[in-house]
Amino acid sequence: SPSRYRASAVRYGVPVPMIDPRQSLARRPRRVLVAGTSGAGKTTLAARIATLLGIEHVEIDALYHGSNWIPRDQFLTDVEEFSSRPQWVTEWQYGNVRDLLADRADLLVWLDLPRATVMRQVTARTIRRRLRREVLWNGNIEPPLRRFLLDRDHIVRWAWTTHHKSELRISALAQRRSDLTIVRIRSRADVEHWFAGPLVGTLASDSDGK
C-alpha cells in the first residue's frame, strides 16, 4: 500500500492525512468525490475521472437545481439513491448531503487551487455562460451580470468568500474518517501527473486481479 504522510493545512495548522498526487493508489476507486471551492473545476475533473474509470458521473448540481433555480424536492432522495450504488463519481457539495457522500466514498480528490486561479476561472465561466445564454440544469441560465453587484451570494462573490472553507471541511472529514484516501491537487500540472500516473495505474492493477 502507498505510504501516507501528514501535511499541515497551511493557513489553519490542522493536520490532514493525504496522498501526494504522485503517489500510487492502493486500489481502483469505486466511489469518488471531487472537492473544492466554486469555480475550481470540480465538475470537469469529476467527468474526466468517470470517463477514465468507466463509471457514472452524477453531476450533483443537476440533482439540486430545479427550474428557475428552485431546489428540487427530490434532491435528498436522489442523492441517497445514487450514492448507494457500487460505483459513482460526483462533486462534494451541499451541506445537507456532504456527510452522507463522505461516509460512502472511498476516495476524495481535493482540487485545492490558488484563489487567484479559481477567481479567474469562475469569472470567465460566468461571463461566457451569460453571454452565450448557455442552458444549464433543468433549463436554467446564468442571471444578468449586474447581479454580481446586487447579490452577495452571486457565484463569483461566493467563490471569493468561501475559498478557505474547503480546507476546514476536509480537515474535519480527515479526522472523522481516517480511512478515507484524500488526494490534494494544487495545480493543473498535479491533475495531469495524477491522471497519467496513480489513477491510470489503478486500471492496470485492477486488470491483474487486485
N, C-alpha and C. Protein backbone atom coordinates (compact mmCIF):
# COMPACT_ATOMS: atom_id res chain seq x y z
N SER A 1 0.85 -1.19 0.00
CA SER A 1 0.00 0.00 0.00
C SER A 1 0.88 1.23 0.00
N PRO A 2 0.37 2.33 -0.53
CA PRO A 2 1.18 3.54 -0.62
C PRO A 2 1.44 4.13 0.75
N SER A 3 2.56 4.79 0.87
CA SER A 3 2.85 5.48 2.13
C SER A 3 1.96 6.69 2.24
N ARG A 4 1.63 7.05 3.49
CA ARG A 4 0.82 8.23 3.73
C ARG A 4 1.67 9.21 4.50
N TYR A 5 1.37 10.49 4.35
CA TYR A 5 2.16 11.47 5.07
C TYR A 5 1.24 12.50 5.67
N ARG A 6 1.72 13.12 6.73
CA ARG A 6 0.96 14.16 7.40
C ARG A 6 1.34 15.51 6.82
N ALA A 7 0.34 16.22 6.29
CA ALA A 7 0.59 17.54 5.73
C ALA A 7 -0.26 18.54 6.48
N SER A 8 0.36 19.54 7.09
CA SER A 8 -0.40 20.52 7.85
C SER A 8 -1.09 21.49 6.91
N ALA A 9 -2.35 21.77 7.20
CA ALA A 9 -3.06 22.79 6.44
C ALA A 9 -2.38 24.12 6.70
N VAL A 10 -1.89 24.75 5.65
CA VAL A 10 -1.00 25.90 5.77
C VAL A 10 -1.64 27.04 6.53
N ARG A 11 -2.90 27.35 6.22
CA ARG A 11 -3.50 28.55 6.80
C ARG A 11 -4.06 28.31 8.19
N TYR A 12 -4.34 27.05 8.53
CA TYR A 12 -5.02 26.80 9.79
C TYR A 12 -4.26 25.86 10.72
N GLY A 13 -3.19 25.26 10.25
CA GLY A 13 -2.39 24.42 11.09
C GLY A 13 -3.07 23.13 11.51
N VAL A 14 -4.06 22.68 10.73
CA VAL A 14 -4.79 21.47 11.07
C VAL A 14 -4.17 20.31 10.30
N PRO A 15 -3.74 19.24 11.00
CA PRO A 15 -3.13 18.11 10.29
C PRO A 15 -4.14 17.35 9.45
N VAL A 16 -3.79 17.12 8.20
CA VAL A 16 -4.67 16.40 7.28
C VAL A 16 -3.89 15.27 6.63
N PRO A 17 -4.29 14.00 6.83
CA PRO A 17 -3.60 12.90 6.16
C PRO A 17 -3.98 12.88 4.69
N MET A 18 -2.98 12.91 3.82
CA MET A 18 -3.26 12.99 2.39
C MET A 18 -2.29 12.13 1.60
N ILE A 19 -2.71 11.82 0.39
CA ILE A 19 -1.85 11.15 -0.58
C ILE A 19 -1.33 12.21 -1.55
N ASP A 20 -0.04 12.20 -1.78
CA ASP A 20 0.55 13.09 -2.76
C ASP A 20 0.06 12.69 -4.15
N PRO A 21 -0.21 13.64 -5.05
CA PRO A 21 -0.72 13.29 -6.38
C PRO A 21 0.24 12.46 -7.22
N ARG A 22 1.47 12.30 -6.77
CA ARG A 22 2.42 11.45 -7.49
C ARG A 22 2.56 10.06 -6.86
N GLN A 23 1.91 9.84 -5.74
CA GLN A 23 1.96 8.54 -5.08
C GLN A 23 0.89 7.61 -5.64
N SER A 24 1.20 6.32 -5.67
CA SER A 24 0.25 5.35 -6.20
C SER A 24 -0.92 5.17 -5.24
N LEU A 25 -2.04 4.74 -5.80
CA LEU A 25 -3.22 4.42 -5.01
C LEU A 25 -3.24 2.93 -4.73
N ALA A 26 -3.77 2.55 -3.58
CA ALA A 26 -3.75 1.15 -3.18
C ALA A 26 -4.66 0.29 -4.05
N ARG A 27 -5.74 0.88 -4.54
CA ARG A 27 -6.70 0.11 -5.33
C ARG A 27 -7.49 1.05 -6.25
N ARG A 28 -8.19 0.45 -7.17
CA ARG A 28 -9.02 1.25 -8.07
C ARG A 28 -10.21 1.82 -7.30
N PRO A 29 -10.41 3.13 -7.35
CA PRO A 29 -11.54 3.72 -6.62
C PRO A 29 -12.87 3.40 -7.29
N ARG A 30 -13.90 3.28 -6.48
CA ARG A 30 -15.24 2.96 -6.98
C ARG A 30 -16.24 4.08 -6.70
N ARG A 31 -16.04 4.78 -5.60
CA ARG A 31 -16.93 5.88 -5.22
C ARG A 31 -16.07 7.10 -4.94
N VAL A 32 -16.13 8.06 -5.83
CA VAL A 32 -15.17 9.16 -5.82
C VAL A 32 -15.88 10.50 -5.62
N LEU A 33 -15.35 11.30 -4.70
CA LEU A 33 -15.80 12.67 -4.51
C LEU A 33 -14.73 13.63 -4.99
N VAL A 34 -15.15 14.71 -5.62
CA VAL A 34 -14.23 15.78 -6.01
C VAL A 34 -14.63 17.03 -5.22
N ALA A 35 -13.70 17.52 -4.41
CA ALA A 35 -13.96 18.66 -3.53
C ALA A 35 -13.22 19.89 -4.04
N GLY A 36 -13.69 21.05 -3.62
CA GLY A 36 -13.05 22.30 -3.98
C GLY A 36 -14.07 23.41 -3.97
N THR A 37 -13.58 24.63 -3.96
CA THR A 37 -14.48 25.77 -3.93
C THR A 37 -15.20 25.94 -5.26
N SER A 38 -16.23 26.76 -5.28
CA SER A 38 -16.95 27.04 -6.52
C SER A 38 -15.99 27.62 -7.56
N GLY A 39 -16.03 27.07 -8.76
CA GLY A 39 -15.17 27.55 -9.83
C GLY A 39 -13.82 26.88 -9.91
N ALA A 40 -13.54 25.94 -9.01
CA ALA A 40 -12.24 25.27 -9.05
C ALA A 40 -12.12 24.29 -10.21
N GLY A 41 -13.25 23.83 -10.72
CA GLY A 41 -13.23 22.86 -11.81
C GLY A 41 -13.63 21.47 -11.38
N LYS A 42 -14.46 21.36 -10.35
CA LYS A 42 -14.85 20.06 -9.82
C LYS A 42 -15.58 19.21 -10.86
N THR A 43 -16.53 19.80 -11.54
CA THR A 43 -17.34 19.03 -12.49
C THR A 43 -16.51 18.53 -13.65
N THR A 44 -15.63 19.37 -14.16
CA THR A 44 -14.74 18.96 -15.25
C THR A 44 -13.86 17.80 -14.82
N LEU A 45 -13.28 17.91 -13.62
CA LEU A 45 -12.41 16.85 -13.12
C LEU A 45 -13.20 15.58 -12.85
N ALA A 46 -14.38 15.72 -12.26
CA ALA A 46 -15.20 14.54 -11.98
C ALA A 46 -15.56 13.80 -13.26
N ALA A 47 -15.88 14.55 -14.31
CA ALA A 47 -16.22 13.92 -15.59
C ALA A 47 -15.02 13.17 -16.17
N ARG A 48 -13.84 13.74 -16.05
CA ARG A 48 -12.64 13.07 -16.55
C ARG A 48 -12.36 11.78 -15.78
N ILE A 49 -12.50 11.84 -14.46
CA ILE A 49 -12.27 10.65 -13.64
C ILE A 49 -13.26 9.55 -14.03
N ALA A 50 -14.52 9.93 -14.17
CA ALA A 50 -15.55 8.95 -14.52
C ALA A 50 -15.28 8.30 -15.87
N THR A 51 -14.85 9.11 -16.84
CA THR A 51 -14.55 8.58 -18.17
C THR A 51 -13.40 7.59 -18.11
N LEU A 52 -12.35 7.95 -17.39
CA LEU A 52 -11.19 7.07 -17.31
C LEU A 52 -11.53 5.75 -16.61
N LEU A 53 -12.29 5.83 -15.54
CA LEU A 53 -12.61 4.63 -14.77
C LEU A 53 -13.78 3.85 -15.36
N GLY A 54 -14.50 4.48 -16.29
CA GLY A 54 -15.64 3.80 -16.89
C GLY A 54 -16.82 3.67 -15.96
N ILE A 55 -17.03 4.66 -15.10
CA ILE A 55 -18.15 4.64 -14.18
C ILE A 55 -18.97 5.92 -14.33
N GLU A 56 -20.12 5.95 -13.70
CA GLU A 56 -21.07 7.04 -13.89
C GLU A 56 -20.63 8.32 -13.18
N HIS A 57 -20.75 9.44 -13.88
CA HIS A 57 -20.59 10.76 -13.25
C HIS A 57 -21.98 11.31 -12.99
N VAL A 58 -22.30 11.53 -11.73
CA VAL A 58 -23.56 12.15 -11.34
C VAL A 58 -23.26 13.61 -11.02
N GLU A 59 -23.71 14.52 -11.86
CA GLU A 59 -23.47 15.94 -11.62
C GLU A 59 -24.47 16.42 -10.57
N ILE A 60 -23.97 16.71 -9.39
CA ILE A 60 -24.87 16.94 -8.26
C ILE A 60 -25.66 18.23 -8.42
N ASP A 61 -25.13 19.21 -9.14
CA ASP A 61 -25.89 20.43 -9.40
C ASP A 61 -27.18 20.13 -10.16
N ALA A 62 -27.12 19.15 -11.06
CA ALA A 62 -28.30 18.79 -11.85
C ALA A 62 -29.39 18.17 -10.99
N LEU A 63 -28.99 17.53 -9.90
CA LEU A 63 -29.98 16.98 -8.97
C LEU A 63 -30.56 18.06 -8.06
N TYR A 64 -29.76 19.07 -7.76
CA TYR A 64 -30.17 20.09 -6.79
C TYR A 64 -31.08 21.16 -7.40
N HIS A 65 -30.71 21.65 -8.58
CA HIS A 65 -31.41 22.80 -9.16
C HIS A 65 -32.60 22.36 -10.01
N GLY A 66 -33.79 22.84 -9.62
CA GLY A 66 -34.95 22.69 -10.47
C GLY A 66 -35.09 23.91 -11.37
N SER A 67 -36.20 24.01 -12.06
CA SER A 67 -36.41 25.17 -12.93
C SER A 67 -36.45 26.45 -12.10
N ASN A 68 -35.99 27.54 -12.72
CA ASN A 68 -35.92 28.84 -12.05
C ASN A 68 -35.03 28.82 -10.80
N TRP A 69 -34.06 27.91 -10.80
CA TRP A 69 -33.09 27.80 -9.71
C TRP A 69 -33.71 27.40 -8.37
N ILE A 70 -34.90 26.85 -8.40
CA ILE A 70 -35.55 26.41 -7.16
C ILE A 70 -35.05 25.01 -6.81
N PRO A 71 -34.56 24.79 -5.58
CA PRO A 71 -34.08 23.46 -5.20
C PRO A 71 -35.17 22.40 -5.38
N ARG A 72 -34.78 21.26 -5.89
CA ARG A 72 -35.73 20.18 -6.14
C ARG A 72 -36.10 19.46 -4.85
N ASP A 73 -37.38 19.15 -4.69
CA ASP A 73 -37.84 18.43 -3.51
C ASP A 73 -37.23 17.03 -3.42
N GLN A 74 -36.89 16.46 -4.58
CA GLN A 74 -36.38 15.08 -4.60
C GLN A 74 -34.88 14.99 -4.38
N PHE A 75 -34.23 16.12 -4.10
CA PHE A 75 -32.77 16.14 -4.05
C PHE A 75 -32.22 15.11 -3.07
N LEU A 76 -32.65 15.13 -1.83
CA LEU A 76 -32.11 14.21 -0.83
C LEU A 76 -32.37 12.76 -1.21
N THR A 77 -33.56 12.49 -1.71
CA THR A 77 -33.90 11.12 -2.12
C THR A 77 -33.00 10.67 -3.27
N ASP A 78 -32.77 11.55 -4.23
CA ASP A 78 -31.93 11.20 -5.38
C ASP A 78 -30.49 10.94 -4.96
N VAL A 79 -29.97 11.75 -4.04
CA VAL A 79 -28.59 11.56 -3.58
C VAL A 79 -28.48 10.25 -2.80
N GLU A 80 -29.44 9.98 -1.96
CA GLU A 80 -29.46 8.71 -1.22
C GLU A 80 -29.46 7.53 -2.18
N GLU A 81 -30.24 7.63 -3.24
CA GLU A 81 -30.35 6.53 -4.19
C GLU A 81 -29.06 6.30 -4.96
N PHE A 82 -28.51 7.34 -5.58
CA PHE A 82 -27.33 7.10 -6.41
C PHE A 82 -26.11 6.75 -5.58
N SER A 83 -26.00 7.33 -4.37
CA SER A 83 -24.80 7.08 -3.56
C SER A 83 -24.79 5.69 -2.95
N SER A 84 -25.93 4.99 -3.01
CA SER A 84 -25.97 3.61 -2.54
C SER A 84 -25.50 2.62 -3.61
N ARG A 85 -25.32 3.10 -4.83
CA ARG A 85 -24.83 2.24 -5.91
C ARG A 85 -23.35 1.91 -5.68
N PRO A 86 -22.87 0.85 -6.31
CA PRO A 86 -21.48 0.43 -6.07
C PRO A 86 -20.42 1.35 -6.67
N GLN A 87 -20.78 2.12 -7.71
CA GLN A 87 -19.78 2.96 -8.36
C GLN A 87 -20.39 4.30 -8.77
N TRP A 88 -19.63 5.37 -8.55
CA TRP A 88 -20.05 6.70 -8.99
C TRP A 88 -18.92 7.70 -8.77
N VAL A 89 -19.05 8.83 -9.45
CA VAL A 89 -18.19 10.00 -9.22
C VAL A 89 -19.12 11.20 -9.13
N THR A 90 -18.91 12.05 -8.14
CA THR A 90 -19.72 13.25 -8.02
C THR A 90 -18.93 14.35 -7.32
N GLU A 91 -19.51 15.54 -7.29
CA GLU A 91 -18.88 16.69 -6.64
C GLU A 91 -19.32 16.73 -5.17
N TRP A 92 -18.38 17.10 -4.31
CA TRP A 92 -18.68 17.14 -2.86
C TRP A 92 -19.17 18.53 -2.50
N GLN A 93 -20.46 18.71 -2.52
CA GLN A 93 -21.04 20.00 -2.17
C GLN A 93 -22.47 19.81 -1.68
N TYR A 94 -23.03 20.90 -1.14
CA TYR A 94 -24.33 20.95 -0.50
C TYR A 94 -24.26 20.32 0.90
N GLY A 95 -24.41 21.20 1.89
CA GLY A 95 -24.19 20.81 3.28
C GLY A 95 -25.08 19.68 3.77
N ASN A 96 -26.29 19.58 3.24
CA ASN A 96 -27.20 18.56 3.76
C ASN A 96 -26.91 17.16 3.23
N VAL A 97 -25.96 17.01 2.31
CA VAL A 97 -25.60 15.67 1.83
C VAL A 97 -24.10 15.39 1.92
N ARG A 98 -23.32 16.33 2.39
CA ARG A 98 -21.87 16.12 2.43
C ARG A 98 -21.49 14.91 3.29
N ASP A 99 -22.07 14.81 4.48
CA ASP A 99 -21.71 13.69 5.35
C ASP A 99 -22.10 12.36 4.74
N LEU A 100 -23.28 12.30 4.16
CA LEU A 100 -23.74 11.07 3.52
C LEU A 100 -22.77 10.63 2.44
N LEU A 101 -22.40 11.55 1.56
CA LEU A 101 -21.49 11.22 0.47
C LEU A 101 -20.11 10.83 0.99
N ALA A 102 -19.62 11.57 1.97
CA ALA A 102 -18.29 11.28 2.51
C ALA A 102 -18.25 9.91 3.19
N ASP A 103 -19.33 9.53 3.84
CA ASP A 103 -19.38 8.23 4.51
C ASP A 103 -19.37 7.08 3.52
N ARG A 104 -19.81 7.32 2.29
CA ARG A 104 -19.91 6.24 1.30
C ARG A 104 -18.77 6.25 0.29
N ALA A 105 -17.96 7.29 0.29
CA ALA A 105 -16.87 7.39 -0.69
C ALA A 105 -15.66 6.56 -0.26
N ASP A 106 -14.86 6.14 -1.25
CA ASP A 106 -13.58 5.51 -0.92
C ASP A 106 -12.39 6.35 -1.39
N LEU A 107 -12.67 7.47 -2.05
CA LEU A 107 -11.61 8.39 -2.47
C LEU A 107 -12.19 9.80 -2.54
N LEU A 108 -11.43 10.75 -2.01
CA LEU A 108 -11.79 12.17 -2.17
C LEU A 108 -10.61 12.88 -2.82
N VAL A 109 -10.89 13.55 -3.92
CA VAL A 109 -9.87 14.33 -4.63
C VAL A 109 -10.14 15.80 -4.32
N TRP A 110 -9.18 16.43 -3.67
CA TRP A 110 -9.34 17.83 -3.26
C TRP A 110 -8.65 18.73 -4.26
N LEU A 111 -9.43 19.45 -5.03
CA LEU A 111 -8.91 20.38 -6.03
C LEU A 111 -8.65 21.71 -5.33
N ASP A 112 -7.45 21.84 -4.79
CA ASP A 112 -7.08 22.97 -3.92
C ASP A 112 -6.24 23.98 -4.71
N LEU A 113 -6.88 24.68 -5.63
CA LEU A 113 -6.17 25.64 -6.47
C LEU A 113 -6.08 26.99 -5.78
N PRO A 114 -5.07 27.80 -6.13
CA PRO A 114 -4.94 29.14 -5.54
C PRO A 114 -6.19 29.98 -5.80
N ARG A 115 -6.47 30.89 -4.88
CA ARG A 115 -7.65 31.73 -5.01
C ARG A 115 -7.65 32.50 -6.33
N ALA A 116 -6.48 33.02 -6.74
CA ALA A 116 -6.41 33.79 -7.98
C ALA A 116 -6.81 32.94 -9.18
N THR A 117 -6.37 31.69 -9.20
CA THR A 117 -6.74 30.79 -10.29
C THR A 117 -8.23 30.52 -10.31
N VAL A 118 -8.79 30.26 -9.15
CA VAL A 118 -10.22 29.99 -9.05
C VAL A 118 -11.04 31.19 -9.50
N MET A 119 -10.63 32.38 -9.05
CA MET A 119 -11.40 33.57 -9.41
C MET A 119 -11.35 33.84 -10.91
N ARG A 120 -10.21 33.61 -11.51
CA ARG A 120 -10.10 33.79 -12.96
C ARG A 120 -11.03 32.81 -13.68
N GLN A 121 -11.05 31.58 -13.22
CA GLN A 121 -11.87 30.56 -13.87
C GLN A 121 -13.36 30.82 -13.69
N VAL A 122 -13.77 31.13 -12.46
CA VAL A 122 -15.20 31.29 -12.21
C VAL A 122 -15.74 32.55 -12.88
N THR A 123 -14.92 33.60 -12.95
CA THR A 123 -15.35 34.82 -13.62
C THR A 123 -15.52 34.59 -15.12
N ALA A 124 -14.53 33.95 -15.73
CA ALA A 124 -14.60 33.67 -17.17
C ALA A 124 -15.78 32.76 -17.49
N ARG A 125 -15.99 31.75 -16.66
CA ARG A 125 -17.10 30.82 -16.89
C ARG A 125 -18.45 31.52 -16.78
N THR A 126 -18.60 32.37 -15.77
CA THR A 126 -19.86 33.07 -15.56
C THR A 126 -20.18 34.00 -16.72
N ILE A 127 -19.18 34.75 -17.17
CA ILE A 127 -19.38 35.66 -18.30
C ILE A 127 -19.72 34.88 -19.57
N ARG A 128 -18.98 33.81 -19.82
CA ARG A 128 -19.23 33.01 -21.02
C ARG A 128 -20.64 32.43 -21.02
N ARG A 129 -21.04 31.87 -19.90
CA ARG A 129 -22.38 31.27 -19.83
C ARG A 129 -23.48 32.31 -20.05
N ARG A 130 -23.27 33.50 -19.49
CA ARG A 130 -24.30 34.53 -19.63
C ARG A 130 -24.37 35.06 -21.06
N LEU A 131 -23.21 35.36 -21.64
CA LEU A 131 -23.20 35.93 -22.98
C LEU A 131 -23.73 34.94 -24.02
N ARG A 132 -23.43 33.67 -23.81
CA ARG A 132 -23.89 32.64 -24.75
C ARG A 132 -25.27 32.10 -24.41
N ARG A 133 -25.82 32.56 -23.29
CA ARG A 133 -27.11 32.05 -22.81
C ARG A 133 -27.09 30.52 -22.74
N GLU A 134 -26.01 30.00 -22.20
CA GLU A 134 -25.89 28.54 -22.10
C GLU A 134 -26.97 27.99 -21.17
N VAL A 135 -27.62 26.96 -21.63
CA VAL A 135 -28.65 26.31 -20.81
C VAL A 135 -27.97 25.34 -19.86
N LEU A 136 -28.22 25.54 -18.57
CA LEU A 136 -27.61 24.71 -17.55
C LEU A 136 -28.63 23.66 -17.10
N TRP A 137 -28.69 23.37 -15.82
CA TRP A 137 -29.52 22.29 -15.32
C TRP A 137 -30.99 22.68 -15.35
N ASN A 138 -31.79 21.77 -15.93
CA ASN A 138 -33.25 21.92 -15.95
C ASN A 138 -33.71 23.26 -16.53
N GLY A 139 -33.01 23.70 -17.57
CA GLY A 139 -33.42 24.88 -18.31
C GLY A 139 -32.95 26.21 -17.74
N ASN A 140 -32.15 26.19 -16.69
CA ASN A 140 -31.68 27.44 -16.09
C ASN A 140 -30.57 28.08 -16.92
N ILE A 141 -30.48 29.41 -16.85
CA ILE A 141 -29.35 30.13 -17.42
C ILE A 141 -28.79 31.07 -16.37
N GLU A 142 -27.55 31.50 -16.57
CA GLU A 142 -26.93 32.43 -15.63
C GLU A 142 -27.75 33.73 -15.57
N PRO A 143 -27.92 34.30 -14.39
CA PRO A 143 -28.64 35.57 -14.28
C PRO A 143 -27.84 36.71 -14.88
N PRO A 144 -28.45 37.88 -15.08
CA PRO A 144 -27.72 39.03 -15.62
C PRO A 144 -26.47 39.33 -14.81
N LEU A 145 -25.42 39.80 -15.50
CA LEU A 145 -24.14 40.03 -14.84
C LEU A 145 -24.23 41.09 -13.75
N ARG A 146 -25.19 41.99 -13.85
CA ARG A 146 -25.30 43.02 -12.81
C ARG A 146 -25.64 42.43 -11.45
N ARG A 147 -26.12 41.19 -11.44
CA ARG A 147 -26.42 40.55 -10.16
C ARG A 147 -25.18 40.38 -9.30
N PHE A 148 -24.02 40.41 -9.93
CA PHE A 148 -22.77 40.34 -9.17
C PHE A 148 -22.71 41.45 -8.12
N LEU A 149 -23.22 42.62 -8.47
CA LEU A 149 -23.19 43.77 -7.56
C LEU A 149 -24.33 43.74 -6.55
N LEU A 150 -25.41 43.06 -6.88
CA LEU A 150 -26.62 43.12 -6.06
C LEU A 150 -26.79 41.92 -5.14
N ASP A 151 -26.21 40.81 -5.50
CA ASP A 151 -26.45 39.56 -4.78
C ASP A 151 -25.17 39.10 -4.09
N ARG A 152 -25.17 39.10 -2.77
CA ARG A 152 -23.96 38.69 -2.04
C ARG A 152 -23.66 37.20 -2.21
N ASP A 153 -24.67 36.43 -2.64
CA ASP A 153 -24.46 35.01 -2.89
C ASP A 153 -24.21 34.71 -4.37
N HIS A 154 -23.97 35.73 -5.16
CA HIS A 154 -23.60 35.51 -6.57
C HIS A 154 -22.39 34.59 -6.63
N ILE A 155 -22.35 33.71 -7.62
CA ILE A 155 -21.34 32.66 -7.66
C ILE A 155 -19.91 33.21 -7.60
N VAL A 156 -19.66 34.35 -8.22
CA VAL A 156 -18.31 34.91 -8.21
C VAL A 156 -17.95 35.40 -6.81
N ARG A 157 -18.87 36.10 -6.17
CA ARG A 157 -18.62 36.56 -4.80
C ARG A 157 -18.54 35.38 -3.84
N TRP A 158 -19.37 34.39 -4.07
CA TRP A 158 -19.37 33.19 -3.24
C TRP A 158 -18.02 32.47 -3.32
N ALA A 159 -17.47 32.37 -4.51
CA ALA A 159 -16.17 31.71 -4.68
C ALA A 159 -15.08 32.43 -3.89
N TRP A 160 -15.13 33.77 -3.88
CA TRP A 160 -14.13 34.55 -3.15
C TRP A 160 -14.26 34.35 -1.64
N THR A 161 -15.47 34.46 -1.13
CA THR A 161 -15.66 34.45 0.32
C THR A 161 -15.59 33.06 0.94
N THR A 162 -15.78 32.03 0.15
CA THR A 162 -15.79 30.67 0.72
C THR A 162 -14.55 29.86 0.34
N HIS A 163 -13.58 30.48 -0.29
CA HIS A 163 -12.42 29.73 -0.78
C HIS A 163 -11.74 28.93 0.33
N HIS A 164 -11.66 29.50 1.53
CA HIS A 164 -10.95 28.85 2.63
C HIS A 164 -11.72 27.69 3.25
N LYS A 165 -13.01 27.57 2.97
CA LYS A 165 -13.83 26.62 3.71
C LYS A 165 -13.57 25.17 3.33
N SER A 166 -13.10 24.92 2.12
CA SER A 166 -12.80 23.54 1.73
C SER A 166 -11.77 22.93 2.66
N GLU A 167 -10.76 23.73 3.00
CA GLU A 167 -9.71 23.22 3.87
C GLU A 167 -10.25 22.85 5.25
N LEU A 168 -11.13 23.67 5.78
CA LEU A 168 -11.72 23.39 7.08
C LEU A 168 -12.58 22.12 7.03
N ARG A 169 -13.37 22.00 5.98
CA ARG A 169 -14.24 20.82 5.87
C ARG A 169 -13.43 19.54 5.72
N ILE A 170 -12.40 19.60 4.90
CA ILE A 170 -11.61 18.40 4.65
C ILE A 170 -10.79 18.03 5.87
N SER A 171 -10.31 19.01 6.59
CA SER A 171 -9.60 18.74 7.85
C SER A 171 -10.51 18.01 8.83
N ALA A 172 -11.75 18.49 8.94
CA ALA A 172 -12.70 17.84 9.84
C ALA A 172 -13.04 16.43 9.36
N LEU A 173 -13.21 16.27 8.05
CA LEU A 173 -13.52 14.96 7.50
C LEU A 173 -12.38 13.98 7.73
N ALA A 174 -11.15 14.43 7.54
CA ALA A 174 -9.99 13.55 7.71
C ALA A 174 -9.89 13.03 9.13
N GLN A 175 -10.27 13.86 10.08
CA GLN A 175 -10.25 13.41 11.47
C GLN A 175 -11.39 12.44 11.76
N ARG A 176 -12.51 12.63 11.10
CA ARG A 176 -13.67 11.75 11.32
C ARG A 176 -13.54 10.43 10.57
N ARG A 177 -12.93 10.48 9.38
CA ARG A 177 -12.78 9.27 8.57
C ARG A 177 -11.31 9.10 8.20
N SER A 178 -10.55 8.59 9.14
CA SER A 178 -9.11 8.45 8.92
C SER A 178 -8.79 7.40 7.86
N ASP A 179 -9.77 6.56 7.51
CA ASP A 179 -9.55 5.53 6.50
C ASP A 179 -9.74 6.03 5.08
N LEU A 180 -10.29 7.22 4.93
CA LEU A 180 -10.59 7.75 3.59
C LEU A 180 -9.33 8.29 2.92
N THR A 181 -9.06 7.84 1.72
CA THR A 181 -7.93 8.36 0.96
C THR A 181 -8.27 9.74 0.41
N ILE A 182 -7.39 10.70 0.69
CA ILE A 182 -7.57 12.07 0.22
C ILE A 182 -6.36 12.46 -0.62
N VAL A 183 -6.61 12.85 -1.85
CA VAL A 183 -5.56 13.32 -2.74
C VAL A 183 -5.69 14.84 -2.86
N ARG A 184 -4.62 15.55 -2.53
CA ARG A 184 -4.65 17.01 -2.60
C ARG A 184 -3.95 17.47 -3.88
N ILE A 185 -4.70 18.13 -4.74
CA ILE A 185 -4.20 18.59 -6.03
C ILE A 185 -4.16 20.11 -6.03
N ARG A 186 -2.98 20.68 -6.25
CA ARG A 186 -2.82 22.13 -6.09
C ARG A 186 -2.56 22.87 -7.40
N SER A 187 -2.54 22.17 -8.50
CA SER A 187 -2.27 22.83 -9.78
C SER A 187 -2.78 21.96 -10.92
N ARG A 188 -2.86 22.55 -12.11
CA ARG A 188 -3.23 21.78 -13.29
C ARG A 188 -2.17 20.73 -13.60
N ALA A 189 -0.93 21.05 -13.32
CA ALA A 189 0.14 20.06 -13.53
C ALA A 189 -0.08 18.85 -12.63
N ASP A 190 -0.50 19.09 -11.38
CA ASP A 190 -0.81 17.99 -10.47
C ASP A 190 -1.91 17.10 -11.04
N VAL A 191 -2.92 17.72 -11.64
CA VAL A 191 -4.02 16.95 -12.23
C VAL A 191 -3.48 15.98 -13.27
N GLU A 192 -2.65 16.50 -14.17
CA GLU A 192 -2.14 15.66 -15.26
C GLU A 192 -1.20 14.57 -14.74
N HIS A 193 -0.35 14.90 -13.77
CA HIS A 193 0.52 13.89 -13.16
C HIS A 193 -0.31 12.78 -12.53
N TRP A 194 -1.36 13.17 -11.82
CA TRP A 194 -2.17 12.19 -11.12
C TRP A 194 -2.92 11.28 -12.09
N PHE A 195 -3.46 11.87 -13.15
CA PHE A 195 -4.16 11.07 -14.15
C PHE A 195 -3.22 10.08 -14.83
N ALA A 196 -2.09 10.59 -15.28
CA ALA A 196 -1.17 9.76 -16.07
C ALA A 196 -0.47 8.70 -15.24
N GLY A 197 -0.33 8.96 -13.94
CA GLY A 197 0.38 8.04 -13.07
C GLY A 197 -0.53 7.23 -12.17
N PRO A 198 -0.82 7.72 -10.97
CA PRO A 198 -1.58 6.94 -9.98
C PRO A 198 -2.95 6.46 -10.45
N LEU A 199 -3.73 7.33 -11.10
CA LEU A 199 -5.08 6.91 -11.47
C LEU A 199 -5.06 5.87 -12.58
N VAL A 200 -4.27 6.10 -13.62
CA VAL A 200 -4.14 5.10 -14.67
C VAL A 200 -3.57 3.80 -14.11
N GLY A 201 -2.69 3.92 -13.13
CA GLY A 201 -2.10 2.74 -12.50
C GLY A 201 -3.12 1.83 -11.85
N THR A 202 -4.22 2.39 -11.36
CA THR A 202 -5.24 1.55 -10.75
C THR A 202 -5.95 0.67 -11.78
N LEU A 203 -5.97 1.11 -13.03
CA LEU A 203 -6.58 0.29 -14.08
C LEU A 203 -5.74 -0.95 -14.34
N ALA A 204 -4.43 -0.76 -14.35
CA ALA A 204 -3.52 -1.89 -14.57
C ALA A 204 -3.61 -2.89 -13.43
N SER A 205 -3.61 -2.38 -12.19
CA SER A 205 -3.67 -3.28 -11.05
C SER A 205 -5.00 -4.01 -11.00
N ASP A 206 -6.07 -3.33 -11.44
CA ASP A 206 -7.39 -3.95 -11.45
C ASP A 206 -7.43 -5.09 -12.46
N SER A 207 -6.80 -4.90 -13.61
CA SER A 207 -6.79 -5.94 -14.63
C SER A 207 -5.95 -7.14 -14.22
N ASP A 208 -5.03 -6.91 -13.26
CA ASP A 208 -4.21 -8.00 -12.74
C ASP A 208 -4.93 -8.80 -11.66
N GLY A 209 -6.17 -8.37 -11.37
CA GLY A 209 -6.95 -9.13 -10.40
C GLY A 209 -6.86 -8.64 -8.99
N LYS A 210 -6.29 -7.47 -8.77
CA LYS A 210 -6.19 -6.94 -7.42
C LYS A 210 -7.51 -6.32 -7.00
